[in-house]
Amino acid sequence: MEAKLENFINLLAKSSLNYHDFLQKAGEIEQITDLIEPKDLHGWDLLGLELVRTDTGKIELATRNRDFGEQTFCVVDTETNGGIRSGQIIEIGAVKICGGVEIGRFETFVAANEIPENIVELTGITLADLDGAPSLASVMERFRLFLGDAVFVAHNVRFDYDFVSASMEKCGFGMLLNRRLCTIELARRTIPSQKYGLGTLKELLGIVSVHHRALSDALAAADIMAESLRRLPWTVQSVEDLIAFSKTAKSVKLPPQPIVEPVVL
């Protein structure tokens, strides 16, 4: 997401905008005007960003005043056969949660021509597993509908969010504009630990699942999010409060354990 667009969305996260100011600022962002008419709020929603027009005529994010307990979150994990520039998604898994209750799951392999050996060793996914899998375009179309305007959540969210967004654009469905939440950042503010990798937090919290498989890792991240939400201070009320807290609150990371030198007798 280009800086100008990201700054605009961050502005909306903090304050309402006069309707004409909203149209002017949005109209200066080519990424938006190439896809939708800025005044079409439904068009924004199709890209994942839920906007509302208030009684006073101002435009604001629906997540500004929505209690996070009433928000739908979509916890996502992807497995890929390379980096964002040269690779593609080979598996995607996601679980939708609202009010602490699971309301939907998404899981599929994605057709691909190759999987490097190191990815096979890491994930256990082989080309044989992808035999007959749907195309990337087909999966992205279905996932766009599944995701809707939910908050996109992942462990190291920037990787999964950017990969999915780039895949959406590649397939002609437009970028993602969904609000996003990182479970690493959130855990750092709520769960005392020395490390915040998925494996470390799973062990710490007693989460048992298969590592490096999309739906399994998404479910583990959802469990981490749930534990973090239970530990939030009462001052965190809205979805935007939660997102801001995950980025700016004081870390509870534990210092490394001192190295104990063996006693030589």
C-alpha atoms as a PDB file:
ATOM      1  CA  MET A   1       0.000   0.000   0.000  1.00  0.00           C
ATOM      2  CA  GLU A   2       1.485   3.333  -1.061  1.00  0.00           C
ATOM      3  CA  ALA A   3       2.273   5.847   1.673  1.00  0.00           C
ATOM      4  CA  LYS A   4      -0.287   8.396   0.479  1.00  0.00           C
ATOM      5  CA  LEU A   5      -3.143   5.900   0.672  1.00  0.00           C
ATOM      6  CA  GLU A   6      -1.953   4.473   3.990  1.00  0.00           C
ATOM      7  CA  ASN A   7      -1.677   7.974   5.482  1.00  0.00           C
ATOM      8  CA  PHE A   8      -5.214   8.750   4.312  1.00  0.00           C
ATOM      9  CA  ILE A   9      -6.632   5.623   5.955  1.00  0.00           C
ATOM     10  CA  ASN A  10      -4.670   6.350   9.142  1.00  0.00           C
ATOM     11  CA  LEU A  11      -6.213   9.837   9.150  1.00  0.00           C
ATOM     12  CA  LEU A  12      -9.686   8.317   8.909  1.00  0.00           C
ATOM     13  CA  ALA A  13      -8.808   5.977  11.774  1.00  0.00           C
ATOM     14  CA  LYS A  14      -8.228   8.974  14.032  1.00  0.00           C
ATOM     15  CA  SER A  15     -10.950  11.418  12.982  1.00  0.00           C
ATOM     16  CA  SER A  16     -14.044  11.983  10.888  1.00  0.00           C
ATOM     17  CA  LEU A  17     -13.661  13.997   7.703  1.00  0.00           C
ATOM     18  CA  ASN A  18     -15.952  16.591   6.248  1.00  0.00           C
ATOM     19  CA  TYR A  19     -17.567  15.020   3.171  1.00  0.00           C
ATOM     20  CA  HIS A  20     -15.987  17.471   0.719  1.00  0.00           C
ATOM     21  CA  ASP A  21     -12.561  17.107   2.364  1.00  0.00           C
ATOM     22  CA  PHE A  22     -12.946  13.341   2.127  1.00  0.00           C
ATOM     23  CA  LEU A  23     -13.729  13.515  -1.595  1.00  0.00           C
ATOM     24  CA  GLN A  24     -10.866  15.925  -2.249  1.00  0.00           C
ATOM     25  CA  LYS A  25      -8.255  13.875  -0.423  1.00  0.00           C
ATOM     26  CA  ALA A  26      -9.483  10.546  -1.833  1.00  0.00           C
ATOM     27  CA  GLY A  27      -9.626  12.026  -5.329  1.00  0.00           C
ATOM     28  CA  GLU A  28      -5.896  12.749  -5.174  1.00  0.00           C
ATOM     29  CA  ILE A  29      -5.039   9.061  -4.706  1.00  0.00           C
ATOM     30  CA  GLU A  30      -4.712   7.352  -8.091  1.00  0.00           C
ATOM     31  CA  GLN A  31      -4.775   3.876  -6.525  1.00  0.00           C
ATOM     32  CA  ILE A  32      -8.352   4.637  -5.471  1.00  0.00           C
ATOM     33  CA  THR A  33      -9.651   6.613  -8.442  1.00  0.00           C
ATOM     34  CA  ASP A  34      -8.383   3.921 -10.822  1.00  0.00           C
ATOM     35  CA  LEU A  35     -10.660   1.415  -9.081  1.00  0.00           C
ATOM     36  CA  ILE A  36     -13.712   3.199  -7.686  1.00  0.00           C
ATOM     37  CA  GLU A  37     -15.536   6.506  -7.533  1.00  0.00           C
ATOM     38  CA  PRO A  38     -14.519   7.912  -4.101  1.00  0.00           C
ATOM     39  CA  LYS A  39     -18.063   8.990  -3.239  1.00  0.00           C
ATOM     40  CA  ASP A  40     -19.291   5.400  -3.711  1.00  0.00           C
ATOM     41  CA  LEU A  41     -19.001   4.077  -0.152  1.00  0.00           C
ATOM     42  CA  HIS A  42     -20.072   0.613  -1.331  1.00  0.00           C
ATOM     43  CA  GLY A  43     -17.018   0.565  -3.584  1.00  0.00           C
ATOM     44  CA  TRP A  44     -14.763   1.158  -0.588  1.00  0.00           C
ATOM     45  CA  ASP A  45     -16.520  -1.665   1.238  1.00  0.00           C
ATOM     46  CA  LEU A  46     -15.875  -4.045  -1.669  1.00  0.00           C
ATOM     47  CA  LEU A  47     -12.166  -3.298  -1.222  1.00  0.00           C
ATOM     48  CA  GLY A  48     -12.473  -4.144   2.476  1.00  0.00           C
ATOM     49  CA  LEU A  49     -12.808  -0.724   4.107  1.00  0.00           C
ATOM     50  CA  GLU A  50     -16.160  -0.065   5.777  1.00  0.00           C
ATOM     51  CA  LEU A  51     -16.966   3.662   5.739  1.00  0.00           C
ATOM     52  CA  VAL A  52     -20.068   5.335   7.156  1.00  0.00           C
ATOM     53  CA  ARG A  53     -21.604   8.748   6.672  1.00  0.00           C
ATOM     54  CA  THR A  54     -22.611  10.236  10.023  1.00  0.00           C
ATOM     55  CA  ASP A  55     -25.759  12.205  10.814  1.00  0.00           C
ATOM     56  CA  THR A  56     -23.699  15.377  10.428  1.00  0.00           C
ATOM     57  CA  GLY A  57     -22.578  14.322   6.947  1.00  0.00           C
ATOM     58  CA  LYS A  58     -19.013  13.441   7.870  1.00  0.00           C
ATOM     59  CA  ILE A  59     -17.208  10.299   6.675  1.00  0.00           C
ATOM     60  CA  GLU A  60     -15.534   7.961   9.153  1.00  0.00           C
ATOM     61  CA  LEU A  61     -14.346   4.391   9.544  1.00  0.00           C
ATOM     62  CA  ALA A  62     -16.983   2.096  11.021  1.00  0.00           C
ATOM     63  CA  THR A  63     -14.226   0.653  13.217  1.00  0.00           C
ATOM     64  CA  ARG A  64     -13.666   3.994  14.985  1.00  0.00           C
ATOM     65  CA  ASN A  65     -16.660   3.576  17.273  1.00  0.00           C
ATOM     66  CA  ARG A  66     -17.396  -0.151  17.012  1.00  0.00           C
ATOM     67  CA  ASP A  67     -16.666  -2.232  20.114  1.00  0.00           C
ATOM     68  CA  PHE A  68     -14.012  -4.795  19.208  1.00  0.00           C
ATOM     69  CA  GLY A  69     -16.250  -7.488  20.690  1.00  0.00           C
ATOM     70  CA  GLU A  70     -18.755  -6.776  17.917  1.00  0.00           C
ATOM     71  CA  GLN A  71     -16.181  -6.738  15.109  1.00  0.00           C
ATOM     72  CA  THR A  72     -15.570  -9.598  12.702  1.00  0.00           C
ATOM     73  CA  PHE A  73     -11.900 -10.599  12.533  1.00  0.00           C
ATOM     74  CA  CYS A  74     -10.460 -12.852   9.825  1.00  0.00           C
ATOM     75  CA  VAL A  75      -7.290 -14.596  11.015  1.00  0.00           C
ATOM     76  CA  VAL A  76      -5.223 -15.607   7.985  1.00  0.00           C
ATOM     77  CA  ASP A  77      -2.128 -17.638   7.193  1.00  0.00           C
ATOM     78  CA  THR A  78      -0.539 -18.341   3.831  1.00  0.00           C
ATOM     79  CA  GLU A  79       2.080 -20.770   2.615  1.00  0.00           C
ATOM     80  CA  THR A  80       4.009 -19.639  -0.463  1.00  0.00           C
ATOM     81  CA  ASN A  81       6.584 -21.050  -2.856  1.00  0.00           C
ATOM     82  CA  GLY A  82       8.753 -17.936  -2.761  1.00  0.00           C
ATOM     83  CA  GLY A  83       8.875 -14.219  -2.058  1.00  0.00           C
ATOM     84  CA  ILE A  84       6.207 -11.703  -2.971  1.00  0.00           C
ATOM     85  CA  ARG A  85       8.003 -10.710  -6.198  1.00  0.00           C
ATOM     86  CA  SER A  86       8.840 -14.154  -7.536  1.00  0.00           C
ATOM     87  CA  GLY A  87       6.567 -16.583  -5.703  1.00  0.00           C
ATOM     88  CA  GLN A  88       2.876 -17.201  -5.200  1.00  0.00           C
ATOM     89  CA  ILE A  89       0.479 -18.520  -2.577  1.00  0.00           C
ATOM     90  CA  ILE A  90       0.246 -22.326  -2.588  1.00  0.00           C
ATOM     91  CA  GLU A  91      -2.054 -22.670   0.429  1.00  0.00           C
ATOM     92  CA  ILE A  92      -4.292 -20.272   2.324  1.00  0.00           C
ATOM     93  CA  GLY A  93      -6.218 -20.868   5.521  1.00  0.00           C
ATOM     94  CA  ALA A  94      -8.406 -18.501   7.498  1.00  0.00           C
ATOM     95  CA  VAL A  95     -10.900 -18.456  10.351  1.00  0.00           C
ATOM     96  CA  LYS A  96     -13.498 -15.722  10.916  1.00  0.00           C
ATOM     97  CA  ILE A  97     -14.309 -14.794  14.493  1.00  0.00           C
ATOM     98  CA  CYS A  98     -16.870 -12.419  16.009  1.00  0.00           C
ATOM     99  CA  GLY A  99     -17.457 -12.003  19.728  1.00  0.00           C
ATOM    100  CA  GLY A 100     -15.053 -14.817  20.476  1.00  0.00           C
ATOM    101  CA  VAL A 101     -17.090 -17.271  18.371  1.00  0.00           C
ATOM    102  CA  GLU A 102     -15.894 -18.899  15.158  1.00  0.00           C
ATOM    103  CA  ILE A 103     -18.276 -18.056  12.311  1.00  0.00           C
ATOM    104  CA  GLY A 104     -16.454 -19.468   9.287  1.00  0.00           C
ATOM    105  CA  ARG A 105     -13.395 -21.219   7.880  1.00  0.00           C
ATOM    106  CA  PHE A 106     -11.555 -21.046   4.571  1.00  0.00           C
ATOM    107  CA  GLU A 107      -8.929 -23.564   3.467  1.00  0.00           C
ATOM    108  CA  THR A 108      -7.529 -24.521   0.073  1.00  0.00           C
ATOM    109  CA  PHE A 109      -4.410 -25.411  -1.851  1.00  0.00           C
ATOM    110  CA  VAL A 110      -3.612 -23.254  -4.882  1.00  0.00           C
ATOM    111  CA  ALA A 111      -2.340 -24.571  -8.218  1.00  0.00           C
ATOM    112  CA  ALA A 112       1.354 -23.876  -8.880  1.00  0.00           C
ATOM    113  CA  ASN A 113       4.050 -25.142 -11.240  1.00  0.00           C
ATOM    114  CA  GLU A 114       6.864 -25.551  -8.729  1.00  0.00           C
ATOM    115  CA  ILE A 115       7.700 -25.792  -5.050  1.00  0.00           C
ATOM    116  CA  PRO A 116      11.358 -25.417  -4.030  1.00  0.00           C
ATOM    117  CA  GLU A 117      12.755 -28.269  -1.961  1.00  0.00           C
ATOM    118  CA  ASN A 118      13.282 -26.061   1.085  1.00  0.00           C
ATOM    119  CA  ILE A 119       9.558 -25.136   1.032  1.00  0.00           C
ATOM    120  CA  VAL A 120       8.625 -28.815   0.737  1.00  0.00           C
ATOM    121  CA  GLU A 121      10.795 -29.568   3.771  1.00  0.00           C
ATOM    122  CA  LEU A 122       9.350 -26.635   5.730  1.00  0.00           C
ATOM    123  CA  THR A 123       5.650 -27.194   4.984  1.00  0.00           C
ATOM    124  CA  GLY A 124       5.384 -30.791   3.857  1.00  0.00           C
ATOM    125  CA  ILE A 125       3.436 -29.545   0.810  1.00  0.00           C
ATOM    126  CA  THR A 126       4.407 -31.215  -2.483  1.00  0.00           C
ATOM    127  CA  LEU A 127       3.346 -30.683  -6.090  1.00  0.00           C
ATOM    128  CA  ALA A 128       1.264 -33.832  -5.766  1.00  0.00           C
ATOM    129  CA  ASP A 129      -0.810 -32.058  -3.085  1.00  0.00           C
ATOM    130  CA  LEU A 130      -1.544 -29.266  -5.574  1.00  0.00           C
ATOM    131  CA  ASP A 131      -2.722 -31.638  -8.280  1.00  0.00           C
ATOM    132  CA  GLY A 132      -6.233 -30.518  -9.232  1.00  0.00           C
ATOM    133  CA  ALA A 133      -6.106 -27.475  -6.928  1.00  0.00           C
ATOM    134  CA  PRO A 134      -7.990 -24.339  -8.078  1.00  0.00           C
ATOM    135  CA  SER A 135      -6.182 -21.491  -9.798  1.00  0.00           C
ATOM    136  CA  LEU A 136      -4.897 -18.458  -7.917  1.00  0.00           C
ATOM    137  CA  ALA A 137      -7.565 -16.273  -9.556  1.00  0.00           C
ATOM    138  CA  SER A 138     -10.331 -18.631  -8.479  1.00  0.00           C
ATOM    139  CA  VAL A 139      -9.047 -18.755  -4.903  1.00  0.00           C
ATOM    140  CA  MET A 140      -8.570 -14.984  -4.671  1.00  0.00           C
ATOM    141  CA  GLU A 141     -12.107 -14.372  -5.914  1.00  0.00           C
ATOM    142  CA  ARG A 142     -13.569 -16.711  -3.281  1.00  0.00           C
ATOM    143  CA  PHE A 143     -11.309 -15.389  -0.544  1.00  0.00           C
ATOM    144  CA  ARG A 144     -12.262 -11.777  -1.319  1.00  0.00           C
ATOM    145  CA  LEU A 145     -15.897 -12.718  -0.687  1.00  0.00           C
ATOM    146  CA  PHE A 146     -14.987 -14.646   2.477  1.00  0.00           C
ATOM    147  CA  LEU A 147     -12.856 -11.831   3.885  1.00  0.00           C
ATOM    148  CA  GLY A 148     -15.339  -9.058   3.122  1.00  0.00           C
ATOM    149  CA  ASP A 149     -14.654  -6.001   5.296  1.00  0.00           C
ATOM    150  CA  ALA A 150     -13.396  -8.002   8.295  1.00  0.00           C
ATOM    151  CA  VAL A 151     -10.235  -6.916  10.090  1.00  0.00           C
ATOM    152  CA  PHE A 152      -7.353  -8.901   8.560  1.00  0.00           C
ATOM    153  CA  VAL A 153      -5.336 -10.597  11.325  1.00  0.00           C
ATOM    154  CA  ALA A 154      -2.119 -12.612  11.020  1.00  0.00           C
ATOM    155  CA  HIS A 155       1.068 -13.485  12.860  1.00  0.00           C
ATOM    156  CA  ASN A 156       3.442 -11.015  11.159  1.00  0.00           C
ATOM    157  CA  VAL A 157       0.491  -9.477   9.352  1.00  0.00           C
ATOM    158  CA  ARG A 158       2.439  -7.402   6.868  1.00  0.00           C
ATOM    159  CA  PHE A 159       3.740 -10.503   5.063  1.00  0.00           C
ATOM    160  CA  ASP A 160       0.379 -12.226   4.653  1.00  0.00           C
ATOM    161  CA  TYR A 161      -1.568  -9.002   4.030  1.00  0.00           C
ATOM    162  CA  ASP A 162       0.845  -7.724   1.385  1.00  0.00           C
ATOM    163  CA  PHE A 163       1.062 -11.137  -0.301  1.00  0.00           C
ATOM    164  CA  VAL A 164      -2.705 -11.531  -0.469  1.00  0.00           C
ATOM    165  CA  SER A 165      -3.188  -7.922  -1.597  1.00  0.00           C
ATOM    166  CA  ALA A 166      -0.579  -8.310  -4.362  1.00  0.00           C
ATOM    167  CA  SER A 167      -2.246 -11.559  -5.429  1.00  0.00           C
ATOM    168  CA  MET A 168      -5.633  -9.814  -5.540  1.00  0.00           C
ATOM    169  CA  GLU A 169      -4.233  -7.071  -7.760  1.00  0.00           C
ATOM    170  CA  LYS A 170      -2.472  -9.610  -9.980  1.00  0.00           C
ATOM    171  CA  CYS A 171      -5.797 -11.359 -10.550  1.00  0.00           C
ATOM    172  CA  GLY A 172      -7.652  -8.120 -11.276  1.00  0.00           C
ATOM    173  CA  PHE A 173      -9.652  -7.836  -8.036  1.00  0.00           C
ATOM    174  CA  GLY A 174      -8.038  -4.682  -6.672  1.00  0.00           C
ATOM    175  CA  MET A 175      -5.889  -4.197  -3.574  1.00  0.00           C
ATOM    176  CA  LEU A 176      -6.891  -4.910   0.015  1.00  0.00           C
ATOM    177  CA  LEU A 177      -7.944  -1.929   2.125  1.00  0.00           C
ATOM    178  CA  ASN A 178      -9.038  -3.940   5.173  1.00  0.00           C
ATOM    179  CA  ARG A 179      -7.903  -2.775   8.580  1.00  0.00           C
ATOM    180  CA  ARG A 180      -5.222  -5.110   9.870  1.00  0.00           C
ATOM    181  CA  LEU A 181      -3.988  -6.420  13.205  1.00  0.00           C
ATOM    182  CA  CYS A 182      -0.724  -8.231  13.935  1.00  0.00           C
ATOM    183  CA  THR A 183      -0.797 -10.934  16.608  1.00  0.00           C
ATOM    184  CA  ILE A 184       2.956 -10.564  17.146  1.00  0.00           C
ATOM    185  CA  GLU A 185       2.527  -6.871  17.970  1.00  0.00           C
ATOM    186  CA  LEU A 186      -0.543  -7.556  20.107  1.00  0.00           C
ATOM    187  CA  ALA A 187       1.151 -10.388  22.012  1.00  0.00           C
ATOM    188  CA  ARG A 188       4.175  -8.196  22.743  1.00  0.00           C
ATOM    189  CA  ARG A 189       1.858  -5.820  24.609  1.00  0.00           C
ATOM    190  CA  THR A 190      -0.113  -8.464  26.513  1.00  0.00           C
ATOM    191  CA  ILE A 191       1.798 -11.765  26.929  1.00  0.00           C
ATOM    192  CA  PRO A 192       5.132 -11.757  28.787  1.00  0.00           C
ATOM    193  CA  SER A 193       7.605 -13.826  26.776  1.00  0.00           C
ATOM    194  CA  GLN A 194      11.213 -13.690  25.638  1.00  0.00           C
ATOM    195  CA  LYS A 195      10.298 -14.442  22.023  1.00  0.00           C
ATOM    196  CA  TYR A 196       7.125 -13.996  19.972  1.00  0.00           C
ATOM    197  CA  GLY A 197       7.461 -16.480  17.145  1.00  0.00           C
ATOM    198  CA  LEU A 198       4.407 -18.640  16.553  1.00  0.00           C
ATOM    199  CA  GLY A 199       6.136 -21.772  17.834  1.00  0.00           C
ATOM    200  CA  THR A 200       7.271 -20.079  21.059  1.00  0.00           C
ATOM    201  CA  LEU A 201       3.827 -18.670  21.848  1.00  0.00           C
ATOM    202  CA  LYS A 202       2.120 -21.982  21.041  1.00  0.00           C
ATOM    203  CA  GLU A 203       4.379 -23.740  23.530  1.00  0.00           C
ATOM    204  CA  LEU A 204       3.920 -21.007  26.144  1.00  0.00           C
ATOM    205  CA  LEU A 205       0.118 -21.045  25.852  1.00  0.00           C
ATOM    206  CA  GLY A 206      -0.259 -24.801  25.416  1.00  0.00           C
ATOM    207  CA  ILE A 207      -1.572 -24.583  21.852  1.00  0.00           C
ATOM    208  CA  VAL A 208      -1.200 -27.887  19.989  1.00  0.00           C
ATOM    209  CA  SER A 209      -1.300 -27.748  16.176  1.00  0.00           C
ATOM    210  CA  VAL A 210       0.607 -28.667  13.018  1.00  0.00           C
ATOM    211  CA  HIS A 211       3.251 -26.031  12.258  1.00  0.00           C
ATOM    212  CA  HIS A 212       3.630 -24.397   8.819  1.00  0.00           C
ATOM    213  CA  ARG A 213       0.249 -25.413   7.459  1.00  0.00           C
ATOM    214  CA  ALA A 214      -2.092 -22.553   6.656  1.00  0.00           C
ATOM    215  CA  LEU A 215      -5.340 -23.297   8.499  1.00  0.00           C
ATOM    216  CA  SER A 216      -3.542 -24.826  11.482  1.00  0.00           C
ATOM    217  CA  ASP A 217      -1.333 -21.744  11.862  1.00  0.00           C
ATOM    218  CA  ALA A 218      -4.324 -19.428  11.388  1.00  0.00           C
ATOM    219  CA  LEU A 219      -6.173 -21.233  14.190  1.00  0.00           C
ATOM    220  CA  ALA A 220      -3.101 -20.952  16.423  1.00  0.00           C
ATOM    221  CA  ALA A 221      -2.874 -17.211  15.717  1.00  0.00           C
ATOM    222  CA  ALA A 222      -6.582 -16.921  16.548  1.00  0.00           C
ATOM    223  CA  ASP A 223      -5.926 -18.579  19.922  1.00  0.00           C
ATOM    224  CA  ILE A 224      -3.082 -16.133  20.563  1.00  0.00           C
ATOM    225  CA  MET A 225      -5.359 -13.224  19.684  1.00  0.00           C
ATOM    226  CA  ALA A 226      -8.050 -14.530  22.025  1.00  0.00           C
ATOM    227  CA  GLU A 227      -5.574 -14.757  24.913  1.00  0.00           C
ATOM    228  CA  SER A 228      -4.317 -11.249  24.173  1.00  0.00           C
ATOM    229  CA  LEU A 229      -7.858  -9.865  24.134  1.00  0.00           C
ATOM    230  CA  ARG A 230      -8.474 -11.364  27.580  1.00  0.00           C
ATOM    231  CA  ARG A 231      -5.482  -9.418  28.909  1.00  0.00           C
ATOM    232  CA  LEU A 232      -6.349  -5.999  27.480  1.00  0.00           C
ATOM    233  CA  PRO A 233      -6.734  -2.997  29.775  1.00  0.00           C
ATOM    234  CA  TRP A 234     -10.276  -1.648  30.093  1.00  0.00           C
ATOM    235  CA  THR A 235      -9.281   1.505  28.203  1.00  0.00           C
ATOM    236  CA  VAL A 236      -9.219  -0.473  24.944  1.00  0.00           C
ATOM    237  CA  GLN A 237     -12.819  -0.418  23.723  1.00  0.00           C
ATOM    238  CA  SER A 238     -13.111   0.153  19.973  1.00  0.00           C
ATOM    239  CA  VAL A 239     -11.485  -1.670  17.074  1.00  0.00           C
ATOM    240  CA  GLU A 240      -9.273   1.338  16.401  1.00  0.00           C
ATOM    241  CA  ASP A 241      -8.318   1.428  20.102  1.00  0.00           C
ATOM    242  CA  LEU A 242      -7.203  -2.181  19.709  1.00  0.00           C
ATOM    243  CA  ILE A 243      -5.168  -1.530  16.564  1.00  0.00           C
ATOM    244  CA  ALA A 244      -3.494   1.524  18.122  1.00  0.00           C
ATOM    245  CA  PHE A 245      -2.769  -0.397  21.342  1.00  0.00           C
ATOM    246  CA  SER A 246      -1.087  -3.186  19.375  1.00  0.00           C
ATOM    247  CA  LYS A 247       1.306  -0.658  17.828  1.00  0.00           C
ATOM    248  CA  THR A 248       1.996   1.833  20.613  1.00  0.00           C
ATOM    249  CA  ALA A 249       1.418   0.292  24.063  1.00  0.00           C
ATOM    250  CA  LYS A 250       4.370  -0.581  26.271  1.00  0.00           C
ATOM    251  CA  SER A 251       5.936  -3.953  25.534  1.00  0.00           C
ATOM    252  CA  VAL A 252       5.820  -6.683  28.191  1.00  0.00           C
ATOM    253  CA  LYS A 253       8.656  -8.636  26.572  1.00  0.00           C
ATOM    254  CA  LEU A 254      10.805 -10.416  29.139  1.00  0.00           C
ATOM    255  CA  PRO A 255      14.570  -9.840  29.250  1.00  0.00           C
ATOM    256  CA  PRO A 256      16.746 -12.739  28.061  1.00  0.00           C
ATOM    257  CA  GLN A 257      17.685 -15.267  30.690  1.00  0.00           C
ATOM    258  CA  PRO A 258      21.222 -14.777  32.004  1.00  0.00           C
ATOM    259  CA  ILE A 259      23.762 -17.335  30.902  1.00  0.00           C
ATOM    260  CA  VAL A 260      24.888 -19.349  33.904  1.00  0.00           C
ATOM    261  CA  GLU A 261      28.528 -20.311  33.659  1.00  0.00           C
ATOM    262  CA  PRO A 262      29.320 -23.835  34.885  1.00  0.00           C
ATOM    263  CA  VAL A 263      31.096 -23.971  38.195  1.00  0.00           C
ATOM    264  CA  VAL A 264      34.605 -25.353  37.860  1.00  0.00           C
ATOM    265  CA  LEU A 265      35.768 -27.199  40.960  1.00  0.00           C
END
